[in-house]
Each structure stands twice: as C-alpha cells, then as structure tokens.
C-alpha cells in the first residue's frame, strides 16, 4: 500500500470549509475510496483529477479535485458532487454491477 501525502493552500482550505462545510484534510476519503470514479483532464499542460465517491461517515457523494506534483497530492477543491457528477457516478456504479465488479 502506498502512503500518499496531501497538501493544500491554507487560505483556500479555509474558504472551502466556509463555503462547502468540508475540510481538505478529509479529501483523501474520496480520492482513496474503494469505489471511486476518477476523471482526468488537462489544464495548462498539467493533469488534473476529479475524484467522485460515496463517502462514510457523511453518506454523501462527494467530489475532490486535485493534482499530483512532486509526489504530493495537492487538493484544489472538496465539495458535494454536483447533480451531473452524481449522475455520472450512479451510471458508472450501475455499469460496474452489471459487469460483476
């Protein structure tokens, strides 16, 4: 098992906590969730990831955006998944069940 180290910009963490009620310190719960859907995009030449997962203890579908830099996981945002993201996650989860995963 690989231990990942998470980092973030502190001011952005405080803003995210006030806006979404979720602390970056808990973003690993989404990123490392067993049933996590991870989408990859590129922004300014850098790979950027959006992880979507159903996470305990909240019983919510959450979304965490992050980049990997120098072996570190830099958290960019952490919030409840949007309606579109929840739909994608539900479809992905149902497809996995149909295929026996």
Foldseek 3Di string as FASTA:
>chain_A
DDDAAEDEDVVQQVVQCVVAVDGPVCCVQQVVPPLWDKDWDADPNFIKIKIWDQGPPVRAIKIWIWGADPRHTYTDHIHGDDPVRVVVSVVVVVVCVVVPD
